[in-house]
Amino acid sequence: MIEGLSHITFIVRDLERMTAFLTQIFDAKEVYTSADRTFSIAREKFFLINHLWIAIMEGEPLPHRTYNHVAFKIHEEDFARYVERVQAVGVEVRCDRTRVEGEGKSLYFYDYDNHLFELHTGTLNQRLERYLRSTVDVEPLIELFTQGDRSS
């Protein structure tokens, strides 16, 4: 049985530059560096972002950008603060997609190695409830995803 997400690994050209990216935007806490030792396939560092284990490993960056991304949940009242942090780091911000009211706000941005990140204010339940009001039949999905909420 899957217990949850173990960790996320990003392959990056420059460990120190990505360290600055993670700490300045996400308040990531560095908890390990391999330095010149190699226990895995390359030099690496581990971080915690609110108890989520993020690993970065030295290597060649992604050859091109895609919409594949990692989204971190933030509170709506913190949105402007994160916009400032991302702008201060100087990375490219991607234009948000068209949204309907109730989906939450998103800030998309690339790191230095073509990874796309999203900071998002909405939740799955909010999105499913909003989509339910559209022409798409998501009632079975809402039931599926809210069953866990009732058993807690």
C-alpha atoms as a PDB file:
ATOM      1  CA  MET A   1       0.000   0.000   0.000  1.00  0.00           C
ATOM      2  CA  ILE A   2       1.283   3.472  -0.847  1.00  0.00           C
ATOM      3  CA  GLU A   3       1.819   5.485   2.335  1.00  0.00           C
ATOM      4  CA  GLY A   4       2.376   8.814   0.634  1.00  0.00           C
ATOM      5  CA  LEU A   5       4.986  10.693  -1.323  1.00  0.00           C
ATOM      6  CA  SER A   6       8.541   9.732  -0.313  1.00  0.00           C
ATOM      7  CA  HIS A   7      10.556  12.421  -2.088  1.00  0.00           C
ATOM      8  CA  ILE A   8      10.980  14.405  -5.292  1.00  0.00           C
ATOM      9  CA  THR A   9      14.331  14.439  -7.113  1.00  0.00           C
ATOM     10  CA  PHE A  10      15.497  17.116  -9.535  1.00  0.00           C
ATOM     11  CA  ILE A  11      18.602  16.724 -11.701  1.00  0.00           C
ATOM     12  CA  VAL A  12      20.382  20.082 -11.828  1.00  0.00           C
ATOM     13  CA  ARG A  13      23.557  21.431 -13.368  1.00  0.00           C
ATOM     14  CA  ASP A  14      24.551  23.576 -10.370  1.00  0.00           C
ATOM     15  CA  LEU A  15      23.797  22.330  -6.846  1.00  0.00           C
ATOM     16  CA  GLU A  16      24.588  25.672  -5.209  1.00  0.00           C
ATOM     17  CA  ARG A  17      22.397  27.670  -7.568  1.00  0.00           C
ATOM     18  CA  MET A  18      19.484  25.278  -6.982  1.00  0.00           C
ATOM     19  CA  THR A  19      20.139  25.471  -3.236  1.00  0.00           C
ATOM     20  CA  ALA A  20      19.624  29.243  -3.411  1.00  0.00           C
ATOM     21  CA  PHE A  21      16.473  28.740  -5.518  1.00  0.00           C
ATOM     22  CA  LEU A  22      14.928  26.304  -3.025  1.00  0.00           C
ATOM     23  CA  THR A  23      15.887  28.223   0.112  1.00  0.00           C
ATOM     24  CA  GLN A  24      14.940  31.686  -1.149  1.00  0.00           C
ATOM     25  CA  ILE A  25      11.572  30.763  -2.660  1.00  0.00           C
ATOM     26  CA  PHE A  26      10.369  27.823  -0.559  1.00  0.00           C
ATOM     27  CA  ASP A  27      12.220  28.360   2.751  1.00  0.00           C
ATOM     28  CA  ALA A  28      13.738  24.918   2.162  1.00  0.00           C
ATOM     29  CA  LYS A  29      15.990  23.640   4.925  1.00  0.00           C
ATOM     30  CA  GLU A  30      19.139  21.857   3.746  1.00  0.00           C
ATOM     31  CA  VAL A  31      19.538  18.641   5.754  1.00  0.00           C
ATOM     32  CA  TYR A  32      22.284  16.789   3.847  1.00  0.00           C
ATOM     33  CA  THR A  33      25.010  17.295   1.289  1.00  0.00           C
ATOM     34  CA  SER A  34      27.147  14.533  -0.145  1.00  0.00           C
ATOM     35  CA  ALA A  35      29.959  17.039  -0.824  1.00  0.00           C
ATOM     36  CA  ASP A  36      32.571  15.041  -2.752  1.00  0.00           C
ATOM     37  CA  ARG A  37      31.225  11.652  -1.635  1.00  0.00           C
ATOM     38  CA  THR A  38      28.875   9.860  -3.962  1.00  0.00           C
ATOM     39  CA  PHE A  39      26.425   7.392  -2.469  1.00  0.00           C
ATOM     40  CA  SER A  40      24.014   7.567  -5.409  1.00  0.00           C
ATOM     41  CA  ILE A  41      24.623   8.279  -9.090  1.00  0.00           C
ATOM     42  CA  ALA A  42      25.981  11.802  -8.501  1.00  0.00           C
ATOM     43  CA  ARG A  43      26.686  14.440  -5.883  1.00  0.00           C
ATOM     44  CA  GLU A  44      23.456  15.378  -4.142  1.00  0.00           C
ATOM     45  CA  LYS A  45      21.742  17.482  -1.508  1.00  0.00           C
ATOM     46  CA  PHE A  46      18.577  16.866   0.491  1.00  0.00           C
ATOM     47  CA  PHE A  47      16.116  19.510   1.667  1.00  0.00           C
ATOM     48  CA  LEU A  48      12.914  19.668   3.628  1.00  0.00           C
ATOM     49  CA  ILE A  49      10.097  21.906   2.494  1.00  0.00           C
ATOM     50  CA  ASN A  50       7.489  21.661   5.225  1.00  0.00           C
ATOM     51  CA  HIS A  51       8.421  17.993   5.896  1.00  0.00           C
ATOM     52  CA  LEU A  52       8.540  17.144   2.160  1.00  0.00           C
ATOM     53  CA  TRP A  53      11.883  15.606   1.160  1.00  0.00           C
ATOM     54  CA  ILE A  54      13.370  17.244  -1.935  1.00  0.00           C
ATOM     55  CA  ALA A  55      16.559  15.801  -3.426  1.00  0.00           C
ATOM     56  CA  ILE A  56      18.739  17.527  -5.977  1.00  0.00           C
ATOM     57  CA  MET A  57      21.412  15.642  -7.895  1.00  0.00           C
ATOM     58  CA  GLU A  58      24.147  16.999 -10.103  1.00  0.00           C
ATOM     59  CA  GLY A  59      23.714  16.233 -13.788  1.00  0.00           C
ATOM     60  CA  GLU A  60      22.592  17.493 -17.152  1.00  0.00           C
ATOM     61  CA  PRO A  61      19.408  19.578 -17.111  1.00  0.00           C
ATOM     62  CA  LEU A  62      16.244  18.752 -18.999  1.00  0.00           C
ATOM     63  CA  PRO A  63      16.780  19.509 -22.701  1.00  0.00           C
ATOM     64  CA  HIS A  64      13.539  21.483 -23.028  1.00  0.00           C
ATOM     65  CA  ARG A  65      10.620  22.830 -21.051  1.00  0.00           C
ATOM     66  CA  THR A  66       7.273  21.077 -20.693  1.00  0.00           C
ATOM     67  CA  TYR A  67       4.111  21.545 -18.682  1.00  0.00           C
ATOM     68  CA  ASN A  68       5.058  18.631 -16.389  1.00  0.00           C
ATOM     69  CA  HIS A  69       5.368  20.267 -12.998  1.00  0.00           C
ATOM     70  CA  VAL A  70       5.351  20.031  -9.246  1.00  0.00           C
ATOM     71  CA  ALA A  71       2.711  22.127  -7.491  1.00  0.00           C
ATOM     72  CA  PHE A  72       3.041  23.295  -3.913  1.00  0.00           C
ATOM     73  CA  LYS A  73      -0.050  24.357  -1.946  1.00  0.00           C
ATOM     74  CA  ILE A  74       0.057  27.848  -0.446  1.00  0.00           C
ATOM     75  CA  HIS A  75      -2.492  30.036   1.324  1.00  0.00           C
ATOM     76  CA  GLU A  76      -4.168  32.709  -0.786  1.00  0.00           C
ATOM     77  CA  GLU A  77      -3.003  35.439   1.608  1.00  0.00           C
ATOM     78  CA  ASP A  78       0.637  34.421   0.943  1.00  0.00           C
ATOM     79  CA  PHE A  79       0.345  34.584  -2.850  1.00  0.00           C
ATOM     80  CA  ALA A  80       1.770  38.121  -3.287  1.00  0.00           C
ATOM     81  CA  ARG A  81       4.705  37.299  -0.991  1.00  0.00           C
ATOM     82  CA  TYR A  82       5.625  34.305  -3.163  1.00  0.00           C
ATOM     83  CA  VAL A  83       5.360  36.383  -6.332  1.00  0.00           C
ATOM     84  CA  GLU A  84       7.941  38.743  -4.803  1.00  0.00           C
ATOM     85  CA  ARG A  85      10.236  35.848  -3.870  1.00  0.00           C
ATOM     86  CA  VAL A  86      10.115  34.342  -7.349  1.00  0.00           C
ATOM     87  CA  GLN A  87      10.770  37.722  -8.953  1.00  0.00           C
ATOM     88  CA  ALA A  88      13.682  38.358  -6.565  1.00  0.00           C
ATOM     89  CA  VAL A  89      15.350  35.101  -7.637  1.00  0.00           C
ATOM     90  CA  GLY A  90      15.032  36.257 -11.252  1.00  0.00           C
ATOM     91  CA  VAL A  91      13.671  33.097 -12.856  1.00  0.00           C
ATOM     92  CA  GLU A  92      11.217  33.025 -15.736  1.00  0.00           C
ATOM     93  CA  VAL A  93       7.554  33.196 -14.782  1.00  0.00           C
ATOM     94  CA  ARG A  94       5.164  31.386 -17.106  1.00  0.00           C
ATOM     95  CA  CYS A  95       1.828  32.993 -17.889  1.00  0.00           C
ATOM     96  CA  ASP A  96      -1.027  31.392 -15.990  1.00  0.00           C
ATOM     97  CA  ARG A  97      -3.616  29.483 -17.971  1.00  0.00           C
ATOM     98  CA  THR A  98      -7.192  30.681 -18.264  1.00  0.00           C
ATOM     99  CA  ARG A  99      -9.106  29.781 -15.129  1.00  0.00           C
ATOM    100  CA  VAL A 100     -12.686  29.710 -13.998  1.00  0.00           C
ATOM    101  CA  GLU A 101     -13.644  31.214 -10.666  1.00  0.00           C
ATOM    102  CA  GLY A 102     -13.147  28.700  -7.876  1.00  0.00           C
ATOM    103  CA  GLU A 103      -9.996  27.003  -9.206  1.00  0.00           C
ATOM    104  CA  GLY A 104      -7.616  28.993  -7.031  1.00  0.00           C
ATOM    105  CA  LYS A 105      -4.657  31.119  -8.085  1.00  0.00           C
ATOM    106  CA  SER A 106      -1.457  29.731  -9.552  1.00  0.00           C
ATOM    107  CA  LEU A 107       2.043  31.051 -10.058  1.00  0.00           C
ATOM    108  CA  TYR A 108       4.103  29.026 -12.563  1.00  0.00           C
ATOM    109  CA  PHE A 109       7.869  29.468 -12.894  1.00  0.00           C
ATOM    110  CA  TYR A 110      10.881  27.589 -14.249  1.00  0.00           C
ATOM    111  CA  ASP A 111      14.090  26.872 -12.401  1.00  0.00           C
ATOM    112  CA  TYR A 112      17.482  27.083 -14.130  1.00  0.00           C
ATOM    113  CA  ASP A 113      17.230  23.524 -15.476  1.00  0.00           C
ATOM    114  CA  ASN A 114      13.804  23.643 -17.199  1.00  0.00           C
ATOM    115  CA  HIS A 115      11.776  22.225 -14.283  1.00  0.00           C
ATOM    116  CA  LEU A 116       8.369  23.871 -13.957  1.00  0.00           C
ATOM    117  CA  PHE A 117       7.053  24.712 -10.481  1.00  0.00           C
ATOM    118  CA  GLU A 118       3.605  25.886  -9.471  1.00  0.00           C
ATOM    119  CA  LEU A 119       2.422  27.586  -6.310  1.00  0.00           C
ATOM    120  CA  HIS A 120      -1.313  26.996  -6.030  1.00  0.00           C
ATOM    121  CA  THR A 121      -3.949  28.277  -3.600  1.00  0.00           C
ATOM    122  CA  GLY A 122      -6.750  25.819  -4.393  1.00  0.00           C
ATOM    123  CA  THR A 123      -7.541  22.260  -3.351  1.00  0.00           C
ATOM    124  CA  LEU A 124      -8.772  19.214  -5.207  1.00  0.00           C
ATOM    125  CA  ASN A 125     -12.163  19.360  -3.498  1.00  0.00           C
ATOM    126  CA  GLN A 126     -12.607  23.031  -4.416  1.00  0.00           C
ATOM    127  CA  ARG A 127     -11.769  22.286  -8.034  1.00  0.00           C
ATOM    128  CA  LEU A 128     -14.092  19.293  -8.253  1.00  0.00           C
ATOM    129  CA  GLU A 129     -16.934  21.248  -6.672  1.00  0.00           C
ATOM    130  CA  ARG A 130     -16.384  24.073  -9.179  1.00  0.00           C
ATOM    131  CA  TYR A 131     -16.257  21.686 -12.125  1.00  0.00           C
ATOM    132  CA  LEU A 132     -19.453  20.058 -10.903  1.00  0.00           C
ATOM    133  CA  ARG A 133     -21.211  23.333 -11.605  1.00  0.00           C
ATOM    134  CA  SER A 134     -20.041  23.160 -15.235  1.00  0.00           C
ATOM    135  CA  THR A 135     -21.221  20.841 -17.992  1.00  0.00           C
ATOM    136  CA  VAL A 136     -18.700  18.147 -17.029  1.00  0.00           C
ATOM    137  CA  ASP A 137     -20.072  15.257 -14.949  1.00  0.00           C
ATOM    138  CA  VAL A 138     -17.612  14.947 -12.075  1.00  0.00           C
ATOM    139  CA  GLU A 139     -20.073  13.757  -9.417  1.00  0.00           C
ATOM    140  CA  PRO A 140     -18.465  10.278  -9.250  1.00  0.00           C
ATOM    141  CA  LEU A 141     -15.039  11.885  -8.797  1.00  0.00           C
ATOM    142  CA  ILE A 142     -16.240  14.167  -6.026  1.00  0.00           C
ATOM    143  CA  GLU A 143     -17.697  11.165  -4.228  1.00  0.00           C
ATOM    144  CA  LEU A 144     -14.445   9.237  -4.655  1.00  0.00           C
ATOM    145  CA  PHE A 145     -12.204  12.021  -3.362  1.00  0.00           C
ATOM    146  CA  THR A 146     -14.423  13.095  -0.475  1.00  0.00           C
ATOM    147  CA  GLN A 147     -14.828   9.600   0.978  1.00  0.00           C
ATOM    148  CA  GLY A 148     -11.452   9.932   2.689  1.00  0.00           C
ATOM    149  CA  ASP A 149     -12.502  13.277   4.191  1.00  0.00           C
ATOM    150  CA  ARG A 150     -15.443  11.651   5.987  1.00  0.00           C
ATOM    151  CA  SER A 151     -13.445   8.768   7.423  1.00  0.00           C
ATOM    152  CA  SER A 152     -10.918  11.034   9.167  1.00  0.00           C
END
